[in-house]
Amino acid sequence: LNSEGEEKERAIQLATEALGHVEGVIKGKAFFGGEGIGY
């Protein structure tokens, strides 16, 4: 959000990779807390 050029692109890449890890955690669940909203 606060950069331009290569720094911005690198940050987007790293954020996308991190989101991929989070995707693996939520897969098969309604919420991260299970059936209801949690921490």
Full PDB file with SEQRES, HELIX, SHEET, SSBOND, CRYST1, ORIGX, SCALE, CONECT and MASTER records, all heavy atoms in Angstrom:
SEQRES   1 A   39  LEU ASN SER GLU GLY GLU GLU LYS GLU ARG ALA ILE GLN          
SEQRES   2 A   39  LEU ALA THR GLU ALA LEU GLY HIS VAL GLU GLY VAL ILE          
SEQRES   3 A   39  LYS GLY LYS ALA PHE PHE GLY GLY GLU GLY ILE GLY TYR          
HELIX    1 AA1 GLY A    5  ILE A   26  1                                  22    
CRYST1    1.000    1.000    1.000  90.00  90.00  90.00 P 1           1          
ORIGX1      1.000000  0.000000  0.000000        0.00000                         
ORIGX2      0.000000  1.000000  0.000000        0.00000                         
ORIGX3      0.000000  0.000000  1.000000        0.00000                         
SCALE1      1.000000  0.000000  0.000000        0.00000                         
SCALE2      0.000000  1.000000  0.000000        0.00000                         
SCALE3      0.000000  0.000000  1.000000        0.00000                         
ATOM      1  N   LEU A   1       0.819  -1.218   0.000  1.00  0.00           N  
ATOM      2  CA  LEU A   1       0.000   0.000   0.000  1.00  0.00           C  
ATOM      3  C   LEU A   1       0.848   1.261   0.000  1.00  0.00           C  
ATOM      4  O   LEU A   1       0.411   2.309  -0.485  1.00  0.00           O  
ATOM      5  CB  LEU A   1      -0.908   0.027   1.236  1.00  0.00           C  
ATOM      6  CG  LEU A   1      -1.988  -1.040   1.381  1.00  0.00           C  
ATOM      7  CD1 LEU A   1      -2.767  -0.825   2.671  1.00  0.00           C  
ATOM      8  CD2 LEU A   1      -2.919  -1.053   0.195  1.00  0.00           C  
ATOM      9  N   ASN A   2       2.039   1.144   0.542  1.00  0.00           N  
ATOM     10  CA  ASN A   2       2.870   2.337   0.758  1.00  0.00           C  
ATOM     11  C   ASN A   2       4.172   2.324  -0.033  1.00  0.00           C  
ATOM     12  O   ASN A   2       5.152   2.949   0.380  1.00  0.00           O  
ATOM     13  CB  ASN A   2       3.175   2.473   2.255  1.00  0.00           C  
ATOM     14  CG  ASN A   2       1.930   2.731   3.086  1.00  0.00           C  
ATOM     15  OD1 ASN A   2       1.416   3.837   3.119  1.00  0.00           O  
ATOM     16  ND2 ASN A   2       1.424   1.696   3.751  1.00  0.00           N  
ATOM     17  N   SER A   3       4.176   1.613  -1.156  1.00  0.00           N  
ATOM     18  CA  SER A   3       5.390   1.556  -1.971  1.00  0.00           C  
ATOM     19  C   SER A   3       5.031   1.533  -3.449  1.00  0.00           C  
ATOM     20  O   SER A   3       3.859   1.434  -3.818  1.00  0.00           O  
ATOM     21  CB  SER A   3       6.221   0.319  -1.602  1.00  0.00           C  
ATOM     22  OG  SER A   3       5.487  -0.866  -1.840  1.00  0.00           O  
ATOM     23  N   GLU A   4       6.036   1.618  -4.273  1.00  0.00           N  
ATOM     24  CA  GLU A   4       5.846   1.588  -5.722  1.00  0.00           C  
ATOM     25  C   GLU A   4       6.903   0.684  -6.355  1.00  0.00           C  
ATOM     26  O   GLU A   4       7.859   0.276  -5.702  1.00  0.00           O  
ATOM     27  CB  GLU A   4       5.960   3.009  -6.315  1.00  0.00           C  
ATOM     28  CG  GLU A   4       4.921   4.001  -5.813  1.00  0.00           C  
ATOM     29  CD  GLU A   4       3.507   3.668  -6.267  1.00  0.00           C  
ATOM     30  OE1 GLU A   4       3.377   2.907  -7.253  1.00  0.00           O  
ATOM     31  OE2 GLU A   4       2.553   4.154  -5.632  1.00  0.00           O  
ATOM     32  N   GLY A   5       6.713   0.381  -7.642  1.00  0.00           N  
ATOM     33  CA  GLY A   5       7.727  -0.342  -8.395  1.00  0.00           C  
ATOM     34  C   GLY A   5       8.026  -1.742  -7.881  1.00  0.00           C  
ATOM     35  O   GLY A   5       7.130  -2.490  -7.494  1.00  0.00           O  
ATOM     36  N   GLU A   6       9.314  -2.089  -7.883  1.00  0.00           N  
ATOM     37  CA  GLU A   6       9.734  -3.433  -7.509  1.00  0.00           C  
ATOM     38  C   GLU A   6       9.381  -3.778  -6.066  1.00  0.00           C  
ATOM     39  O   GLU A   6       9.032  -4.919  -5.757  1.00  0.00           O  
ATOM     40  CB  GLU A   6      11.243  -3.594  -7.727  1.00  0.00           C  
ATOM     41  CG  GLU A   6      11.658  -3.574  -9.192  1.00  0.00           C  
ATOM     42  CD  GLU A   6      13.138  -3.832  -9.377  1.00  0.00           C  
ATOM     43  OE1 GLU A   6      13.820  -4.132  -8.360  1.00  0.00           O  
ATOM     44  OE2 GLU A   6      13.613  -3.735 -10.515  1.00  0.00           O  
ATOM     45  N   GLU A   7       9.493  -2.793  -5.175  1.00  0.00           N  
ATOM     46  CA  GLU A   7       9.165  -3.046  -3.775  1.00  0.00           C  
ATOM     47  C   GLU A   7       7.695  -3.424  -3.631  1.00  0.00           C  
ATOM     48  O   GLU A   7       7.355  -4.354  -2.884  1.00  0.00           O  
ATOM     49  CB  GLU A   7       9.471  -1.812  -2.922  1.00  0.00           C  
ATOM     50  CG  GLU A   7       9.246  -2.044  -1.425  1.00  0.00           C  
ATOM     51  CD  GLU A   7       9.519  -0.811  -0.585  1.00  0.00           C  
ATOM     52  OE1 GLU A   7       9.744   0.272  -1.164  1.00  0.00           O  
ATOM     53  OE2 GLU A   7       9.493  -0.943   0.666  1.00  0.00           O  
ATOM     54  N   LYS A   8       6.836  -2.738  -4.348  1.00  0.00           N  
ATOM     55  CA  LYS A   8       5.404  -3.025  -4.309  1.00  0.00           C  
ATOM     56  C   LYS A   8       5.114  -4.412  -4.859  1.00  0.00           C  
ATOM     57  O   LYS A   8       4.365  -5.196  -4.253  1.00  0.00           O  
ATOM     58  CB  LYS A   8       4.641  -1.969  -5.119  1.00  0.00           C  
ATOM     59  CG  LYS A   8       3.122  -2.097  -5.060  1.00  0.00           C  
ATOM     60  CD  LYS A   8       2.464  -1.073  -5.972  1.00  0.00           C  
ATOM     61  CE  LYS A   8       0.958  -1.052  -5.848  1.00  0.00           C  
ATOM     62  NZ  LYS A   8       0.493  -0.365  -4.647  1.00  0.00           N  
ATOM     63  N   GLU A   9       5.721  -4.740  -6.003  1.00  0.00           N  
ATOM     64  CA  GLU A   9       5.499  -6.043  -6.629  1.00  0.00           C  
ATOM     65  C   GLU A   9       5.984  -7.177  -5.738  1.00  0.00           C  
ATOM     66  O   GLU A   9       5.342  -8.228  -5.650  1.00  0.00           O  
ATOM     67  CB  GLU A   9       6.196  -6.094  -7.989  1.00  0.00           C  
ATOM     68  CG  GLU A   9       5.584  -5.183  -9.038  1.00  0.00           C  
ATOM     69  CD  GLU A   9       4.103  -5.465  -9.251  1.00  0.00           C  
ATOM     70  OE1 GLU A   9       3.726  -6.652  -9.347  1.00  0.00           O  
ATOM     71  OE2 GLU A   9       3.322  -4.492  -9.305  1.00  0.00           O  
ATOM     72  N   ARG A  10       7.114  -6.977  -5.093  1.00  0.00           N  
ATOM     73  CA  ARG A  10       7.659  -8.001  -4.199  1.00  0.00           C  
ATOM     74  C   ARG A  10       6.728  -8.210  -3.001  1.00  0.00           C  
ATOM     75  O   ARG A  10       6.463  -9.343  -2.588  1.00  0.00           O  
ATOM     76  CB  ARG A  10       9.049  -7.573  -3.712  1.00  0.00           C  
ATOM     77  CG  ARG A  10       9.690  -8.515  -2.698  1.00  0.00           C  
ATOM     78  CD  ARG A  10       9.882  -9.904  -3.243  1.00  0.00           C  
ATOM     79  NE  ARG A  10      10.621 -10.746  -2.296  1.00  0.00           N  
ATOM     80  CZ  ARG A  10      10.662 -12.068  -2.372  1.00  0.00           C  
ATOM     81  NH1 ARG A  10      10.031 -12.717  -3.356  1.00  0.00           N  
ATOM     82  NH2 ARG A  10      11.348 -12.763  -1.484  1.00  0.00           N  
ATOM     83  N   ALA A  11       6.223  -7.114  -2.460  1.00  0.00           N  
ATOM     84  CA  ALA A  11       5.313  -7.204  -1.318  1.00  0.00           C  
ATOM     85  C   ALA A  11       4.021  -7.918  -1.709  1.00  0.00           C  
ATOM     86  O   ALA A  11       3.487  -8.734  -0.948  1.00  0.00           O  
ATOM     87  CB  ALA A  11       5.002  -5.816  -0.778  1.00  0.00           C  
ATOM     88  N   ILE A  12       3.499  -7.633  -2.903  1.00  0.00           N  
ATOM     89  CA  ILE A  12       2.294  -8.300  -3.397  1.00  0.00           C  
ATOM     90  C   ILE A  12       2.537  -9.798  -3.534  1.00  0.00           C  
ATOM     91  O   ILE A  12       1.689 -10.624  -3.150  1.00  0.00           O  
ATOM     92  CB  ILE A  12       1.847  -7.688  -4.736  1.00  0.00           C  
ATOM     93  CG1 ILE A  12       1.317  -6.263  -4.522  1.00  0.00           C  
ATOM     94  CG2 ILE A  12       0.803  -8.562  -5.424  1.00  0.00           C  
ATOM     95  CD1 ILE A  12       1.005  -5.523  -5.807  1.00  0.00           C  
ATOM     96  N   GLN A  13       3.703 -10.153  -4.052  1.00  0.00           N  
ATOM     97  CA  GLN A  13       4.052 -11.569  -4.205  1.00  0.00           C  
ATOM     98  C   GLN A  13       4.092 -12.276  -2.850  1.00  0.00           C  
ATOM     99  O   GLN A  13       3.540 -13.370  -2.688  1.00  0.00           O  
ATOM    100  CB  GLN A  13       5.404 -11.706  -4.898  1.00  0.00           C  
ATOM    101  CG  GLN A  13       5.863 -13.151  -5.070  1.00  0.00           C  
ATOM    102  CD  GLN A  13       7.280 -13.268  -5.633  1.00  0.00           C  
ATOM    103  OE1 GLN A  13       7.830 -12.287  -6.146  1.00  0.00           O  
ATOM    104  NE2 GLN A  13       7.872 -14.441  -5.522  1.00  0.00           N  
ATOM    105  N   LEU A  14       4.746 -11.658  -1.880  1.00  0.00           N  
ATOM    106  CA  LEU A  14       4.865 -12.263  -0.552  1.00  0.00           C  
ATOM    107  C   LEU A  14       3.507 -12.355   0.141  1.00  0.00           C  
ATOM    108  O   LEU A  14       3.207 -13.342   0.821  1.00  0.00           O  
ATOM    109  CB  LEU A  14       5.845 -11.455   0.300  1.00  0.00           C  
ATOM    110  CG  LEU A  14       7.312 -11.523  -0.135  1.00  0.00           C  
ATOM    111  CD1 LEU A  14       8.159 -10.555   0.693  1.00  0.00           C  
ATOM    112  CD2 LEU A  14       7.853 -12.938  -0.007  1.00  0.00           C  
ATOM    113  N   ALA A  15       2.673 -11.326  -0.028  1.00  0.00           N  
ATOM    114  CA  ALA A  15       1.335 -11.343   0.570  1.00  0.00           C  
ATOM    115  C   ALA A  15       0.482 -12.441  -0.050  1.00  0.00           C  
ATOM    116  O   ALA A  15      -0.265 -13.140   0.648  1.00  0.00           O  
ATOM    117  CB  ALA A  15       0.666  -9.981   0.394  1.00  0.00           C  
ATOM    118  N   THR A  16       0.610 -12.610  -1.366  1.00  0.00           N  
ATOM    119  CA  THR A  16      -0.144 -13.649  -2.062  1.00  0.00           C  
ATOM    120  C   THR A  16       0.283 -15.031  -1.588  1.00  0.00           C  
ATOM    121  O   THR A  16      -0.549 -15.924  -1.391  1.00  0.00           O  
ATOM    122  CB  THR A  16       0.042 -13.525  -3.583  1.00  0.00           C  
ATOM    123  OG1 THR A  16      -0.342 -12.214  -4.007  1.00  0.00           O  
ATOM    124  CG2 THR A  16      -0.800 -14.549  -4.324  1.00  0.00           C  
ATOM    125  N   GLU A  17       1.585 -15.225  -1.390  1.00  0.00           N  
ATOM    126  CA  GLU A  17       2.090 -16.498  -0.876  1.00  0.00           C  
ATOM    127  C   GLU A  17       1.552 -16.769   0.525  1.00  0.00           C  
ATOM    128  O   GLU A  17       1.159 -17.897   0.846  1.00  0.00           O  
ATOM    129  CB  GLU A  17       3.619 -16.490  -0.868  1.00  0.00           C  
ATOM    130  CG  GLU A  17       4.238 -16.520  -2.255  1.00  0.00           C  
ATOM    131  CD  GLU A  17       5.752 -16.370  -2.217  1.00  0.00           C  
ATOM    132  OE1 GLU A  17       6.317 -16.256  -1.093  1.00  0.00           O  
ATOM    133  OE2 GLU A  17       6.381 -16.352  -3.295  1.00  0.00           O  
ATOM    134  N   ALA A  18       1.529 -15.749   1.355  1.00  0.00           N  
ATOM    135  CA  ALA A  18       1.015 -15.899   2.720  1.00  0.00           C  
ATOM    136  C   ALA A  18      -0.474 -16.235   2.697  1.00  0.00           C  
ATOM    137  O   ALA A  18      -0.947 -17.074   3.481  1.00  0.00           O  
ATOM    138  CB  ALA A  18       1.261 -14.611   3.515  1.00  0.00           C  
ATOM    139  N   LEU A  19      -1.210 -15.607   1.788  1.00  0.00           N  
ATOM    140  CA  LEU A  19      -2.636 -15.897   1.674  1.00  0.00           C  
ATOM    141  C   LEU A  19      -2.865 -17.345   1.254  1.00  0.00           C  
ATOM    142  O   LEU A  19      -3.827 -17.990   1.691  1.00  0.00           O  
ATOM    143  CB  LEU A  19      -3.283 -14.943   0.667  1.00  0.00           C  
ATOM    144  CG  LEU A  19      -4.816 -14.935   0.613  1.00  0.00           C  
ATOM    145  CD1 LEU A  19      -5.423 -14.602   1.962  1.00  0.00           C  
ATOM    146  CD2 LEU A  19      -5.296 -13.927  -0.434  1.00  0.00           C  
ATOM    147  N   GLY A  20      -1.945 -17.867   0.455  1.00  0.00           N  
ATOM    148  CA  GLY A  20      -2.025 -19.267   0.069  1.00  0.00           C  
ATOM    149  C   GLY A  20      -1.885 -20.195   1.262  1.00  0.00           C  
ATOM    150  O   GLY A  20      -2.574 -21.221   1.341  1.00  0.00           O  
ATOM    151  N   HIS A  21      -1.022 -19.846   2.211  1.00  0.00           N  
ATOM    152  CA  HIS A  21      -0.871 -20.648   3.422  1.00  0.00           C  
ATOM    153  C   HIS A  21      -2.152 -20.597   4.262  1.00  0.00           C  
ATOM    154  O   HIS A  21      -2.590 -21.615   4.809  1.00  0.00           O  
ATOM    155  CB  HIS A  21       0.309 -20.149   4.244  1.00  0.00           C  
ATOM    156  CG  HIS A  21       1.642 -20.370   3.589  1.00  0.00           C  
ATOM    157  ND1 HIS A  21       2.060 -21.604   3.159  1.00  0.00           N  
ATOM    158  CD2 HIS A  21       2.648 -19.505   3.300  1.00  0.00           C  
ATOM    159  CE1 HIS A  21       3.277 -21.509   2.626  1.00  0.00           C  
ATOM    160  NE2 HIS A  21       3.651 -20.237   2.691  1.00  0.00           N  
ATOM    161  N   VAL A  22      -2.736 -19.414   4.359  1.00  0.00           N  
ATOM    162  CA  VAL A  22      -3.978 -19.255   5.121  1.00  0.00           C  
ATOM    163  C   VAL A  22      -5.111 -20.034   4.446  1.00  0.00           C  
ATOM    164  O   VAL A  22      -5.970 -20.614   5.118  1.00  0.00           O  
ATOM    165  CB  VAL A  22      -4.346 -17.765   5.255  1.00  0.00           C  
ATOM    166  CG1 VAL A  22      -5.682 -17.599   5.972  1.00  0.00           C  
ATOM    167  CG2 VAL A  22      -3.247 -17.016   6.015  1.00  0.00           C  
ATOM    168  N   GLU A  23      -5.106 -20.071   3.119  1.00  0.00           N  
ATOM    169  CA  GLU A  23      -6.095 -20.850   2.366  1.00  0.00           C  
ATOM    170  C   GLU A  23      -6.083 -22.312   2.801  1.00  0.00           C  
ATOM    171  O   GLU A  23      -7.129 -22.945   2.952  1.00  0.00           O  
ATOM    172  CB  GLU A  23      -5.783 -20.743   0.861  1.00  0.00           C  
ATOM    173  CG  GLU A  23      -6.540 -21.702  -0.040  1.00  0.00           C  
ATOM    174  CD  GLU A  23      -7.923 -21.222  -0.424  1.00  0.00           C  
ATOM    175  OE1 GLU A  23      -8.325 -20.130   0.005  1.00  0.00           O  
ATOM    176  OE2 GLU A  23      -8.615 -21.948  -1.171  1.00  0.00           O  
ATOM    177  N   GLY A  24      -4.893 -22.845   3.029  1.00  0.00           N  
ATOM    178  CA  GLY A  24      -4.778 -24.229   3.461  1.00  0.00           C  
ATOM    179  C   GLY A  24      -5.383 -24.479   4.831  1.00  0.00           C  
ATOM    180  O   GLY A  24      -5.885 -25.571   5.111  1.00  0.00           O  
ATOM    181  N   VAL A  25      -5.352 -23.464   5.685  1.00  0.00           N  
ATOM    182  CA  VAL A  25      -5.887 -23.601   7.048  1.00  0.00           C  
ATOM    183  C   VAL A  25      -7.412 -23.620   7.046  1.00  0.00           C  
ATOM    184  O   VAL A  25      -8.040 -24.380   7.792  1.00  0.00           O  
ATOM    185  CB  VAL A  25      -5.373 -22.459   7.953  1.00  0.00           C  
ATOM    186  CG1 VAL A  25      -5.964 -22.574   9.348  1.00  0.00           C  
ATOM    187  CG2 VAL A  25      -3.856 -22.479   8.028  1.00  0.00           C  
ATOM    188  N   ILE A  26      -8.029 -22.791   6.209  1.00  0.00           N  
ATOM    189  CA  ILE A  26      -9.488 -22.668   6.212  1.00  0.00           C  
ATOM    190  C   ILE A  26     -10.167 -23.733   5.356  1.00  0.00           C  
ATOM    191  O   ILE A  26     -11.361 -23.991   5.515  1.00  0.00           O  
ATOM    192  CB  ILE A  26      -9.918 -21.251   5.744  1.00  0.00           C  
ATOM    193  CG1 ILE A  26     -11.411 -21.002   6.012  1.00  0.00           C  
ATOM    194  CG2 ILE A  26      -9.590 -21.051   4.270  1.00  0.00           C  
ATOM    195  CD1 ILE A  26     -11.821 -21.082   7.452  1.00  0.00           C  
ATOM    196  N   LYS A  27      -9.434 -24.372   4.479  1.00  0.00           N  
ATOM    197  CA  LYS A  27     -10.023 -25.345   3.563  1.00  0.00           C  
ATOM    198  C   LYS A  27     -10.781 -26.433   4.331  1.00  0.00           C  
ATOM    199  O   LYS A  27     -10.257 -27.037   5.251  1.00  0.00           O  
ATOM    200  CB  LYS A  27      -8.935 -25.983   2.697  1.00  0.00           C  
ATOM    201  CG  LYS A  27      -9.459 -26.807   1.520  1.00  0.00           C  
ATOM    202  CD  LYS A  27      -8.307 -27.264   0.627  1.00  0.00           C  
ATOM    203  CE  LYS A  27      -7.669 -26.078  -0.082  1.00  0.00           C  
ATOM    204  NZ  LYS A  27      -6.595 -26.509  -1.027  1.00  0.00           N  
ATOM    205  N   GLY A  28     -12.028 -26.659   3.949  1.00  0.00           N  
ATOM    206  CA  GLY A  28     -12.844 -27.686   4.579  1.00  0.00           C  
ATOM    207  C   GLY A  28     -13.561 -27.244   5.838  1.00  0.00           C  
ATOM    208  O   GLY A  28     -14.256 -28.041   6.474  1.00  0.00           O  
ATOM    209  N   LYS A  29     -13.409 -25.967   6.208  1.00  0.00           N  
ATOM    210  CA  LYS A  29     -14.042 -25.451   7.418  1.00  0.00           C  
ATOM    211  C   LYS A  29     -15.007 -24.319   7.074  1.00  0.00           C  
ATOM    212  O   LYS A  29     -14.819 -23.610   6.076  1.00  0.00           O  
ATOM    213  CB  LYS A  29     -13.001 -24.899   8.397  1.00  0.00           C  
ATOM    214  CG  LYS A  29     -11.952 -25.900   8.846  1.00  0.00           C  
ATOM    215  CD  LYS A  29     -10.947 -25.193   9.753  1.00  0.00           C  
ATOM    216  CE  LYS A  29      -9.815 -26.106  10.173  1.00  0.00           C  
ATOM    217  NZ  LYS A  29      -8.806 -25.386  10.996  1.00  0.00           N  
ATOM    218  N   ALA A  30     -16.004 -24.135   7.920  1.00  0.00           N  
ATOM    219  CA  ALA A  30     -16.901 -22.987   7.757  1.00  0.00           C  
ATOM    220  C   ALA A  30     -16.199 -21.718   8.229  1.00  0.00           C  
ATOM    221  O   ALA A  30     -16.242 -20.681   7.565  1.00  0.00           O  
ATOM    222  CB  ALA A  30     -18.193 -23.202   8.535  1.00  0.00           C  
ATOM    223  N   PHE A  31     -15.559 -21.811   9.395  1.00  0.00           N  
ATOM    224  CA  PHE A  31     -14.809 -20.696   9.970  1.00  0.00           C  
ATOM    225  C   PHE A  31     -13.492 -21.223  10.520  1.00  0.00           C  
ATOM    226  O   PHE A  31     -13.341 -22.423  10.761  1.00  0.00           O  
ATOM    227  CB  PHE A  31     -15.613 -20.026  11.099  1.00  0.00           C  
ATOM    228  CG  PHE A  31     -16.876 -19.358  10.645  1.00  0.00           C  
ATOM    229  CD1 PHE A  31     -18.109 -19.983  10.811  1.00  0.00           C  
ATOM    230  CD2 PHE A  31     -16.851 -18.116  10.035  1.00  0.00           C  
ATOM    231  CE1 PHE A  31     -19.278 -19.387  10.393  1.00  0.00           C  
ATOM    232  CE2 PHE A  31     -18.023 -17.499   9.601  1.00  0.00           C  
ATOM    233  CZ  PHE A  31     -19.241 -18.135   9.778  1.00  0.00           C  
ATOM    234  N   PHE A  32     -12.563 -20.321  10.760  1.00  0.00           N  
ATOM    235  CA  PHE A  32     -11.303 -20.730  11.370  1.00  0.00           C  
ATOM    236  C   PHE A  32     -11.551 -21.299  12.761  1.00  0.00           C  
ATOM    237  O   PHE A  32     -10.807 -22.159  13.223  1.00  0.00           O  
ATOM    238  CB  PHE A  32     -10.332 -19.550  11.452  1.00  0.00           C  
ATOM    239  CG  PHE A  32      -9.788 -19.118  10.125  1.00  0.00           C  
ATOM    240  CD1 PHE A  32     -10.350 -18.055   9.437  1.00  0.00           C  
ATOM    241  CD2 PHE A  32      -8.709 -19.773   9.555  1.00  0.00           C  
ATOM    242  CE1 PHE A  32      -9.855 -17.652   8.206  1.00  0.00           C  
ATOM    243  CE2 PHE A  32      -8.198 -19.376   8.326  1.00  0.00           C  
ATOM    244  CZ  PHE A  32      -8.775 -18.320   7.643  1.00  0.00           C  
ATOM    245  N   GLY A  33     -12.604 -20.803  13.412  1.00  0.00           N  
ATOM    246  CA  GLY A  33     -12.952 -21.289  14.738  1.00  0.00           C  
ATOM    247  C   GLY A  33     -13.777 -22.563  14.713  1.00  0.00           C  
ATOM    248  O   GLY A  33     -14.238 -23.015  15.759  1.00  0.00           O  
ATOM    249  N   GLY A  34     -13.997 -23.131  13.530  1.00  0.00           N  
ATOM    250  CA  GLY A  34     -14.803 -24.341  13.408  1.00  0.00           C  
ATOM    251  C   GLY A  34     -16.148 -24.011  12.799  1.00  0.00           C  
ATOM    252  O   GLY A  34     -16.240 -23.484  11.695  1.00  0.00           O  
ATOM    253  N   GLU A  35     -17.217 -24.295  13.545  1.00  0.00           N  
ATOM    254  CA  GLU A  35     -18.562 -24.016  13.044  1.00  0.00           C  
ATOM    255  C   GLU A  35     -18.999 -22.583  13.356  1.00  0.00           C  
ATOM    256  O   GLU A  35     -20.002 -22.116  12.822  1.00  0.00           O  
ATOM    257  CB  GLU A  35     -19.557 -25.016  13.648  1.00  0.00           C  
ATOM    258  CG  GLU A  35     -19.357 -26.436  13.157  1.00  0.00           C  
ATOM    259  CD  GLU A  35     -19.427 -26.545  11.641  1.00  0.00           C  
ATOM    260  OE1 GLU A  35     -20.380 -25.997  11.050  1.00  0.00           O  
ATOM    261  OE2 GLU A  35     -18.514 -27.159  11.047  1.00  0.00           O  
ATOM    262  N   GLY A  36     -18.283 -21.929  14.250  1.00  0.00           N  
ATOM    263  CA  GLY A  36     -18.623 -20.558  14.609  1.00  0.00           C  
ATOM    264  C   GLY A  36     -17.402 -19.659  14.563  1.00  0.00           C  
ATOM    265  O   GLY A  36     -16.264 -20.127  14.483  1.00  0.00           O  
ATOM    266  N   ILE A  37     -17.641 -18.361  14.617  1.00  0.00           N  
ATOM    267  CA  ILE A  37     -16.552 -17.386  14.573  1.00  0.00           C  
ATOM    268  C   ILE A  37     -15.722 -17.460  15.845  1.00  0.00           C  
ATOM    269  O   ILE A  37     -16.260 -17.514  16.953  1.00  0.00           O  
ATOM    270  CB  ILE A  37     -17.117 -15.966  14.389  1.00  0.00           C  
ATOM    271  CG1 ILE A  37     -17.660 -15.811  12.963  1.00  0.00           C  
ATOM    272  CG2 ILE A  37     -16.059 -14.900  14.663  1.00  0.00           C  
ATOM    273  CD1 ILE A  37     -18.301 -14.467  12.702  1.00  0.00           C  
ATOM    274  N   GLY A  38     -14.409 -17.459  15.678  1.00  0.00           N  
ATOM    275  CA  GLY A  38     -13.505 -17.502  16.815  1.00  0.00           C  
ATOM    276  C   GLY A  38     -12.399 -16.467  16.691  1.00  0.00           C  
ATOM    277  O   GLY A  38     -12.449 -15.562  15.841  1.00  0.00           O  
ATOM    278  N   TYR A  39     -11.408 -16.619  17.522  1.00  0.00           N  
ATOM    279  CA  TYR A  39     -10.287 -15.680  17.613  1.00  0.00           C  
ATOM    280  C   TYR A  39      -9.630 -15.430  16.253  1.00  0.00           C  
ATOM    281  O   TYR A  39      -9.423 -14.281  15.848  1.00  0.00           O  
ATOM    282  CB  TYR A  39      -9.277 -16.262  18.606  1.00  0.00           C  
ATOM    283  CG  TYR A  39      -7.957 -15.543  18.715  1.00  0.00           C  
ATOM    284  CD1 TYR A  39      -7.818 -14.404  19.502  1.00  0.00           C  
ATOM    285  CD2 TYR A  39      -6.819 -16.032  18.060  1.00  0.00           C  
ATOM    286  CE1 TYR A  39      -6.593 -13.768  19.626  1.00  0.00           C  
ATOM    287  CE2 TYR A  39      -5.596 -15.396  18.171  1.00  0.00           C  
ATOM    288  CZ  TYR A  39      -5.480 -14.263  18.960  1.00  0.00           C  
ATOM    289  OH  TYR A  39      -4.276 -13.641  19.071  1.00  0.00           O  
TER     290      TYR A  39                                                      
MASTER        0    0    0    1    0    0    0    6  289    1    0    3          
END                                                                             
